[in-house]
Structure formats: structure tokens, C-alpha cells
Amino acid sequence: MNHKHSKLTIGIAVLFEIILITIVASSIASRQFNNLPLLFLPIVCILLPFIITHIAITKKRVLPSSFELISLLFILLTLYFGEIMKFYAVFWWWDLFLHGMFGSYAVLIALHLIQGIIIRGKETTEQRFAIFTIIFAFSFSVALGTLWEIFEFLGDYFFKTTMVKGGLQDTITDLLIAILFAFITSIICYYRKLKNKK
């Protein structure tokens, strides 16, 4: 991973950690304890991209060079801007946009992770191998999208967030958007892979 890029990501993470901790301190000082669980959630989640990157490096797995930055921005857009700044209520399309973005980027993450793990055999054509890797990447994205919906449910249940607004309809709509964007991204990546092999 590019060292400068990593410094930028760390800088953004530290800045938002300071902002969130300041908001927590202010809430405690003014005895507004209702939002504390919601504030602690992004404080913890901001560390996740760095933990995942460390594990990937330790296990010698490849992640996109933009993984930490995109993951960090995603956490901030969902938990800070979406929940704390109430973007989910202000912009009707905010949740759908994030699920679509997540569905697409998860495909790219899967295609990076699969490098060096699955090697094409001599008897397997480039087209068949490309189809297999794309199906894996698409399935990986759908699985992560499902885990995200579980995370939203658990966040609402334990931390009193409002990530699941419309019950089953909200959950299914989010999954459909994530699957649609994952499918479109998979098709684009499939044709790019075949084009690059020619």
C-alpha cells in the first residue's frame, strides 16, 4: 500500500476520532447521554480498516490500494454523516447510494483477494476462469451486503440507531440495490479481464 496514501488515511481517521471524542465529551458535560452509544460506534469502527489491512498484510493477501481510504470514508458516510448528522433523514437516496457503492467496491475487493489463491489450470480457458472469478466476486459482495444488513439490525437493537427504517422493505431494497450494483460491476470487470488477456 502506498505510504503517502496511508498517511492521508491515518490523518483523516485521527481528525474524525478527535471530532467524535469532542462530541462525546460535550454530550457528557451537558448530560445528554441518549446519543452516547451512537457516538461510540463510529469511534470503534474507524479502527476496522486498519485492523483488516494489518491482517491482510500478515496473511500476505492483496487488498486494493484504496481500501483503507474508501473503507474509512464509507464508515464516516454511514455512521457519522448518515446517523449523527441525520443525512438518512435529509436525503431519501443516501442509504441507497451507500449500498450501491458498497456493492460495487466489494466486488473489487474480492477480485484483489482472489489473486494468488486460485490459479488457472492449463486445461481451463481464460473465459471460464474469468467467469469463475467474477461469480466468486459477485457472491462475496452479496455476502458482505447481507452481513451489513445484519450489522444495521444489531446497531438498531443494541445502540438504538435508526439504520433500518422501513423494516423488511428497507432491508430488501438495500440488498437489491447492492446486488444490482455488484452485478453491473461484475459484468464490467468480466469484460475488462477478457479484454486485457487479448
C-alpha atoms as a PDB file:
ATOM      1  CA  MET A   1       0.000   0.000   0.000  1.00  0.00           C
ATOM      2  CA  ASN A   2       1.291   3.479  -0.866  1.00  0.00           C
ATOM      3  CA  HIS A   3       2.904   5.119   2.194  1.00  0.00           C
ATOM      4  CA  LYS A   4       1.619   8.642   1.389  1.00  0.00           C
ATOM      5  CA  HIS A   5      -1.869   7.283   0.880  1.00  0.00           C
ATOM      6  CA  SER A   6      -1.674   5.553   4.238  1.00  0.00           C
ATOM      7  CA  LYS A   7      -0.592   8.818   5.901  1.00  0.00           C
ATOM      8  CA  LEU A   8      -3.601  10.615   4.389  1.00  0.00           C
ATOM      9  CA  THR A   9      -5.945   7.915   5.676  1.00  0.00           C
ATOM     10  CA  ILE A  10      -4.422   7.989   9.150  1.00  0.00           C
ATOM     11  CA  GLY A  11      -4.737  11.790   9.180  1.00  0.00           C
ATOM     12  CA  ILE A  12      -8.446  11.619   8.291  1.00  0.00           C
ATOM     13  CA  ALA A  13      -9.029   8.895  10.892  1.00  0.00           C
ATOM     14  CA  VAL A  14      -7.281  10.869  13.651  1.00  0.00           C
ATOM     15  CA  LEU A  15      -9.191  14.050  12.729  1.00  0.00           C
ATOM     16  CA  PHE A  16     -12.585  12.346  12.947  1.00  0.00           C
ATOM     17  CA  GLU A  17     -11.650  10.462  16.106  1.00  0.00           C
ATOM     18  CA  ILE A  18     -10.855  13.850  17.706  1.00  0.00           C
ATOM     19  CA  ILE A  19     -14.162  15.294  16.440  1.00  0.00           C
ATOM     20  CA  LEU A  20     -16.144  12.311  17.752  1.00  0.00           C
ATOM     21  CA  ILE A  21     -14.380  12.246  21.130  1.00  0.00           C
ATOM     22  CA  THR A  22     -15.009  16.003  21.463  1.00  0.00           C
ATOM     23  CA  ILE A  23     -18.722  15.437  20.751  1.00  0.00           C
ATOM     24  CA  VAL A  24     -18.772  12.612  23.336  1.00  0.00           C
ATOM     25  CA  ALA A  25     -17.111  14.865  25.948  1.00  0.00           C
ATOM     26  CA  SER A  26     -19.563  17.657  25.152  1.00  0.00           C
ATOM     27  CA  SER A  27     -22.530  15.274  25.453  1.00  0.00           C
ATOM     28  CA  ILE A  28     -21.307  14.000  28.823  1.00  0.00           C
ATOM     29  CA  ALA A  29     -20.696  17.551  30.083  1.00  0.00           C
ATOM     30  CA  SER A  30     -24.216  18.604  29.072  1.00  0.00           C
ATOM     31  CA  ARG A  31     -25.673  15.349  30.476  1.00  0.00           C
ATOM     32  CA  GLN A  32     -27.043  14.262  27.100  1.00  0.00           C
ATOM     33  CA  PHE A  33     -26.483  10.523  27.404  1.00  0.00           C
ATOM     34  CA  ASN A  34     -29.003   9.356  24.783  1.00  0.00           C
ATOM     35  CA  ASN A  35     -26.597   9.625  21.835  1.00  0.00           C
ATOM     36  CA  LEU A  36     -23.523   8.141  23.546  1.00  0.00           C
ATOM     37  CA  PRO A  37     -23.926   4.580  22.182  1.00  0.00           C
ATOM     38  CA  LEU A  38     -24.402   6.031  18.686  1.00  0.00           C
ATOM     39  CA  LEU A  39     -21.226   8.122  19.064  1.00  0.00           C
ATOM     40  CA  PHE A  40     -19.104   5.240  20.340  1.00  0.00           C
ATOM     41  CA  LEU A  41     -20.000   3.080  17.320  1.00  0.00           C
ATOM     42  CA  PRO A  42     -18.081   5.134  14.698  1.00  0.00           C
ATOM     43  CA  ILE A  43     -15.196   5.689  17.147  1.00  0.00           C
ATOM     44  CA  VAL A  44     -14.682   1.914  17.243  1.00  0.00           C
ATOM     45  CA  CYS A  45     -15.496   1.240  13.571  1.00  0.00           C
ATOM     46  CA  ILE A  46     -12.935   3.778  12.301  1.00  0.00           C
ATOM     47  CA  LEU A  47     -10.241   1.363  13.512  1.00  0.00           C
ATOM     48  CA  LEU A  48     -11.593  -1.554  11.431  1.00  0.00           C
ATOM     49  CA  PRO A  49      -9.961  -0.700   8.042  1.00  0.00           C
ATOM     50  CA  PHE A  50      -6.535  -0.545   9.717  1.00  0.00           C
ATOM     51  CA  ILE A  51      -7.113  -3.844  11.544  1.00  0.00           C
ATOM     52  CA  ILE A  52      -8.262  -5.554   8.316  1.00  0.00           C
ATOM     53  CA  THR A  53      -5.249  -4.164   6.418  1.00  0.00           C
ATOM     54  CA  HIS A  54      -2.881  -5.434   9.122  1.00  0.00           C
ATOM     55  CA  ILE A  55      -4.446  -8.903   8.955  1.00  0.00           C
ATOM     56  CA  ALA A  56      -4.226  -8.892   5.140  1.00  0.00           C
ATOM     57  CA  ILE A  57      -0.531  -7.950   5.243  1.00  0.00           C
ATOM     58  CA  THR A  58       0.153 -10.611   7.879  1.00  0.00           C
ATOM     59  CA  LYS A  59      -1.625 -13.253   5.776  1.00  0.00           C
ATOM     60  CA  LYS A  60       0.043 -11.936   2.568  1.00  0.00           C
ATOM     61  CA  ARG A  61      -3.284 -11.128   0.965  1.00  0.00           C
ATOM     62  CA  VAL A  62      -3.773  -8.341  -1.576  1.00  0.00           C
ATOM     63  CA  LEU A  63      -6.241  -5.504  -0.986  1.00  0.00           C
ATOM     64  CA  PRO A  64      -6.945  -2.559  -3.310  1.00  0.00           C
ATOM     65  CA  SER A  65      -4.543   0.347  -2.656  1.00  0.00           C
ATOM     66  CA  SER A  66      -7.593   2.497  -1.884  1.00  0.00           C
ATOM     67  CA  PHE A  67      -9.041   0.031   0.653  1.00  0.00           C
ATOM     68  CA  GLU A  68      -8.272   1.953   3.858  1.00  0.00           C
ATOM     69  CA  LEU A  69      -9.372   5.319   2.445  1.00  0.00           C
ATOM     70  CA  ILE A  70     -12.592   4.044   0.832  1.00  0.00           C
ATOM     71  CA  SER A  71     -13.499   1.970   3.902  1.00  0.00           C
ATOM     72  CA  LEU A  72     -12.869   4.920   6.213  1.00  0.00           C
ATOM     73  CA  LEU A  73     -14.954   7.262   4.049  1.00  0.00           C
ATOM     74  CA  PHE A  74     -17.699   4.650   3.930  1.00  0.00           C
ATOM     75  CA  ILE A  75     -17.787   4.390   7.731  1.00  0.00           C
ATOM     76  CA  LEU A  76     -17.916   8.184   8.035  1.00  0.00           C
ATOM     77  CA  LEU A  77     -20.661   8.500   5.397  1.00  0.00           C
ATOM     78  CA  THR A  78     -22.810   5.842   7.091  1.00  0.00           C
ATOM     79  CA  LEU A  79     -22.262   6.308  10.818  1.00  0.00           C
ATOM     80  CA  TYR A  80     -21.193   9.948  11.142  1.00  0.00           C
ATOM     81  CA  PHE A  81     -22.999  11.736   8.318  1.00  0.00           C
ATOM     82  CA  GLY A  82     -25.821   9.207   7.991  1.00  0.00           C
ATOM     83  CA  GLU A  83     -26.663   8.663  11.660  1.00  0.00           C
ATOM     84  CA  ILE A  84     -25.185  11.536  13.673  1.00  0.00           C
ATOM     85  CA  MET A  85     -25.669  14.311  11.082  1.00  0.00           C
ATOM     86  CA  LYS A  86     -29.043  12.783  10.061  1.00  0.00           C
ATOM     87  CA  PHE A  87     -28.294  12.523   6.325  1.00  0.00           C
ATOM     88  CA  TYR A  88     -30.528   9.434   6.170  1.00  0.00           C
ATOM     89  CA  ALA A  89     -33.486  11.636   7.108  1.00  0.00           C
ATOM     90  CA  VAL A  90     -32.452  14.649   4.996  1.00  0.00           C
ATOM     91  CA  PHE A  91     -31.640  12.794   1.749  1.00  0.00           C
ATOM     92  CA  TRP A  92     -34.009   9.962   0.820  1.00  0.00           C
ATOM     93  CA  TRP A  93     -31.393   8.462  -1.536  1.00  0.00           C
ATOM     94  CA  TRP A  94     -28.474   8.474   0.957  1.00  0.00           C
ATOM     95  CA  ASP A  95     -28.939   4.876   2.138  1.00  0.00           C
ATOM     96  CA  LEU A  96     -29.431   3.539  -1.400  1.00  0.00           C
ATOM     97  CA  PHE A  97     -26.343   5.391  -2.641  1.00  0.00           C
ATOM     98  CA  LEU A  98     -24.186   3.853   0.100  1.00  0.00           C
ATOM     99  CA  HIS A  99     -25.487   0.331  -0.524  1.00  0.00           C
ATOM    100  CA  GLY A 100     -24.817   0.697  -4.251  1.00  0.00           C
ATOM    101  CA  MET A 101     -21.300   1.990  -3.595  1.00  0.00           C
ATOM    102  CA  PHE A 102     -20.677  -0.864  -1.154  1.00  0.00           C
ATOM    103  CA  GLY A 103     -21.927  -3.485  -3.607  1.00  0.00           C
ATOM    104  CA  SER A 104     -19.575  -2.246  -6.338  1.00  0.00           C
ATOM    105  CA  TYR A 105     -16.489  -1.863  -4.172  1.00  0.00           C
ATOM    106  CA  ALA A 106     -16.930  -5.278  -2.537  1.00  0.00           C
ATOM    107  CA  VAL A 107     -16.575  -6.863  -5.997  1.00  0.00           C
ATOM    108  CA  LEU A 108     -13.216  -5.089  -6.458  1.00  0.00           C
ATOM    109  CA  ILE A 109     -12.047  -6.198  -3.006  1.00  0.00           C
ATOM    110  CA  ALA A 110     -12.914  -9.827  -3.841  1.00  0.00           C
ATOM    111  CA  LEU A 111     -11.039  -9.697  -7.154  1.00  0.00           C
ATOM    112  CA  HIS A 112      -7.929  -8.476  -5.325  1.00  0.00           C
ATOM    113  CA  LEU A 113      -8.233 -11.068  -2.550  1.00  0.00           C
ATOM    114  CA  ILE A 114      -8.563 -13.941  -5.010  1.00  0.00           C
ATOM    115  CA  GLN A 115      -5.221 -13.129  -6.682  1.00  0.00           C
ATOM    116  CA  GLY A 116      -2.672 -15.808  -5.924  1.00  0.00           C
ATOM    117  CA  ILE A 117      -5.223 -18.004  -4.124  1.00  0.00           C
ATOM    118  CA  ILE A 118      -6.952 -19.516  -7.139  1.00  0.00           C
ATOM    119  CA  ILE A 119      -4.678 -20.254 -10.084  1.00  0.00           C
ATOM    120  CA  ARG A 120      -5.959 -21.150 -13.534  1.00  0.00           C
ATOM    121  CA  GLY A 121      -5.154 -24.697 -14.583  1.00  0.00           C
ATOM    122  CA  LYS A 122      -3.759 -25.407 -18.042  1.00  0.00           C
ATOM    123  CA  GLU A 123      -6.967 -27.128 -19.107  1.00  0.00           C
ATOM    124  CA  THR A 124      -9.141 -24.144 -18.064  1.00  0.00           C
ATOM    125  CA  THR A 125      -9.779 -21.460 -20.676  1.00  0.00           C
ATOM    126  CA  GLU A 126      -9.349 -17.760 -19.872  1.00  0.00           C
ATOM    127  CA  GLN A 127     -13.091 -17.228 -20.361  1.00  0.00           C
ATOM    128  CA  ARG A 128     -14.084 -19.974 -17.907  1.00  0.00           C
ATOM    129  CA  PHE A 129     -11.568 -18.764 -15.341  1.00  0.00           C
ATOM    130  CA  ALA A 130     -12.821 -15.184 -15.713  1.00  0.00           C
ATOM    131  CA  ILE A 131     -16.439 -16.351 -15.264  1.00  0.00           C
ATOM    132  CA  PHE A 132     -15.488 -18.259 -12.107  1.00  0.00           C
ATOM    133  CA  THR A 133     -13.593 -15.333 -10.535  1.00  0.00           C
ATOM    134  CA  ILE A 134     -16.424 -12.934 -11.355  1.00  0.00           C
ATOM    135  CA  ILE A 135     -19.034 -15.269  -9.844  1.00  0.00           C
ATOM    136  CA  PHE A 136     -16.877 -15.508  -6.711  1.00  0.00           C
ATOM    137  CA  ALA A 137     -16.517 -11.700  -6.534  1.00  0.00           C
ATOM    138  CA  PHE A 138     -20.260 -11.192  -7.039  1.00  0.00           C
ATOM    139  CA  SER A 139     -21.106 -13.779  -4.353  1.00  0.00           C
ATOM    140  CA  PHE A 140     -18.575 -12.189  -1.984  1.00  0.00           C
ATOM    141  CA  SER A 141     -20.251  -8.804  -2.476  1.00  0.00           C
ATOM    142  CA  VAL A 142     -23.732 -10.235  -1.843  1.00  0.00           C
ATOM    143  CA  ALA A 143     -22.472 -11.976   1.322  1.00  0.00           C
ATOM    144  CA  LEU A 144     -20.941  -8.746   2.644  1.00  0.00           C
ATOM    145  CA  GLY A 145     -24.141  -6.860   1.783  1.00  0.00           C
ATOM    146  CA  THR A 146     -26.105  -9.387   3.848  1.00  0.00           C
ATOM    147  CA  LEU A 147     -23.657  -9.026   6.756  1.00  0.00           C
ATOM    148  CA  TRP A 148     -24.098  -5.250   6.539  1.00  0.00           C
ATOM    149  CA  GLU A 149     -27.868  -5.650   6.914  1.00  0.00           C
ATOM    150  CA  ILE A 150     -27.249  -7.791   9.992  1.00  0.00           C
ATOM    151  CA  PHE A 151     -24.904  -5.071  11.303  1.00  0.00           C
ATOM    152  CA  GLU A 152     -27.641  -2.453  10.779  1.00  0.00           C
ATOM    153  CA  PHE A 153     -30.137  -4.601  12.661  1.00  0.00           C
ATOM    154  CA  LEU A 154     -27.713  -5.169  15.551  1.00  0.00           C
ATOM    155  CA  GLY A 155     -26.840  -1.458  15.614  1.00  0.00           C
ATOM    156  CA  ASP A 156     -30.520  -0.556  15.948  1.00  0.00           C
ATOM    157  CA  TYR A 157     -31.073  -3.254  18.559  1.00  0.00           C
ATOM    158  CA  PHE A 158     -28.074  -2.594  20.811  1.00  0.00           C
ATOM    159  CA  PHE A 159     -27.158   1.056  20.122  1.00  0.00           C
ATOM    160  CA  LYS A 160     -30.610   2.459  19.331  1.00  0.00           C
ATOM    161  CA  THR A 161     -29.564   3.708  15.885  1.00  0.00           C
ATOM    162  CA  THR A 162     -32.096   4.142  13.073  1.00  0.00           C
ATOM    163  CA  MET A 163     -30.285   2.367  10.241  1.00  0.00           C
ATOM    164  CA  VAL A 164     -33.232   0.068   9.458  1.00  0.00           C
ATOM    165  CA  LYS A 165     -36.087   2.474   8.858  1.00  0.00           C
ATOM    166  CA  GLY A 166     -38.698   0.574   6.890  1.00  0.00           C
ATOM    167  CA  GLY A 167     -38.324  -2.885   8.355  1.00  0.00           C
ATOM    168  CA  LEU A 168     -38.340  -5.707   5.824  1.00  0.00           C
ATOM    169  CA  GLN A 169     -38.945  -3.365   2.876  1.00  0.00           C
ATOM    170  CA  ASP A 170     -35.863  -1.287   3.765  1.00  0.00           C
ATOM    171  CA  THR A 171     -33.721  -4.409   4.162  1.00  0.00           C
ATOM    172  CA  ILE A 172     -34.822  -5.966   0.858  1.00  0.00           C
ATOM    173  CA  THR A 173     -34.472  -2.670  -1.047  1.00  0.00           C
ATOM    174  CA  ASP A 174     -30.941  -2.203   0.311  1.00  0.00           C
ATOM    175  CA  LEU A 175     -29.992  -5.750  -0.673  1.00  0.00           C
ATOM    176  CA  LEU A 176     -31.475  -5.374  -4.167  1.00  0.00           C
ATOM    177  CA  ILE A 177     -29.542  -2.139  -4.767  1.00  0.00           C
ATOM    178  CA  ALA A 178     -26.300  -3.711  -3.505  1.00  0.00           C
ATOM    179  CA  ILE A 179     -26.865  -6.793  -5.683  1.00  0.00           C
ATOM    180  CA  LEU A 180     -27.683  -4.674  -8.760  1.00  0.00           C
ATOM    181  CA  PHE A 181     -24.516  -2.574  -8.428  1.00  0.00           C
ATOM    182  CA  ALA A 182     -22.443  -5.681  -7.668  1.00  0.00           C
ATOM    183  CA  PHE A 183     -23.846  -7.330 -10.814  1.00  0.00           C
ATOM    184  CA  ILE A 184     -23.108  -4.302 -13.022  1.00  0.00           C
ATOM    185  CA  THR A 185     -19.573  -4.023 -11.614  1.00  0.00           C
ATOM    186  CA  SER A 186     -19.030  -7.769 -12.111  1.00  0.00           C
ATOM    187  CA  ILE A 187     -20.083  -7.586 -15.764  1.00  0.00           C
ATOM    188  CA  ILE A 188     -17.757  -4.618 -16.393  1.00  0.00           C
ATOM    189  CA  CYS A 189     -14.844  -6.389 -14.658  1.00  0.00           C
ATOM    190  CA  TYR A 190     -15.516  -9.589 -16.614  1.00  0.00           C
ATOM    191  CA  TYR A 191     -15.234  -7.874 -19.997  1.00  0.00           C
ATOM    192  CA  ARG A 192     -12.198  -5.896 -18.854  1.00  0.00           C
ATOM    193  CA  LYS A 193     -10.458  -9.094 -17.744  1.00  0.00           C
ATOM    194  CA  LEU A 194     -11.104 -10.740 -21.107  1.00  0.00           C
ATOM    195  CA  LYS A 195     -10.006  -7.608 -22.987  1.00  0.00           C
ATOM    196  CA  ASN A 196      -6.753  -7.381 -21.019  1.00  0.00           C
ATOM    197  CA  LYS A 197      -5.943 -11.048 -21.773  1.00  0.00           C
ATOM    198  CA  LYS A 198      -6.167 -10.490 -25.539  1.00  0.00           C
END
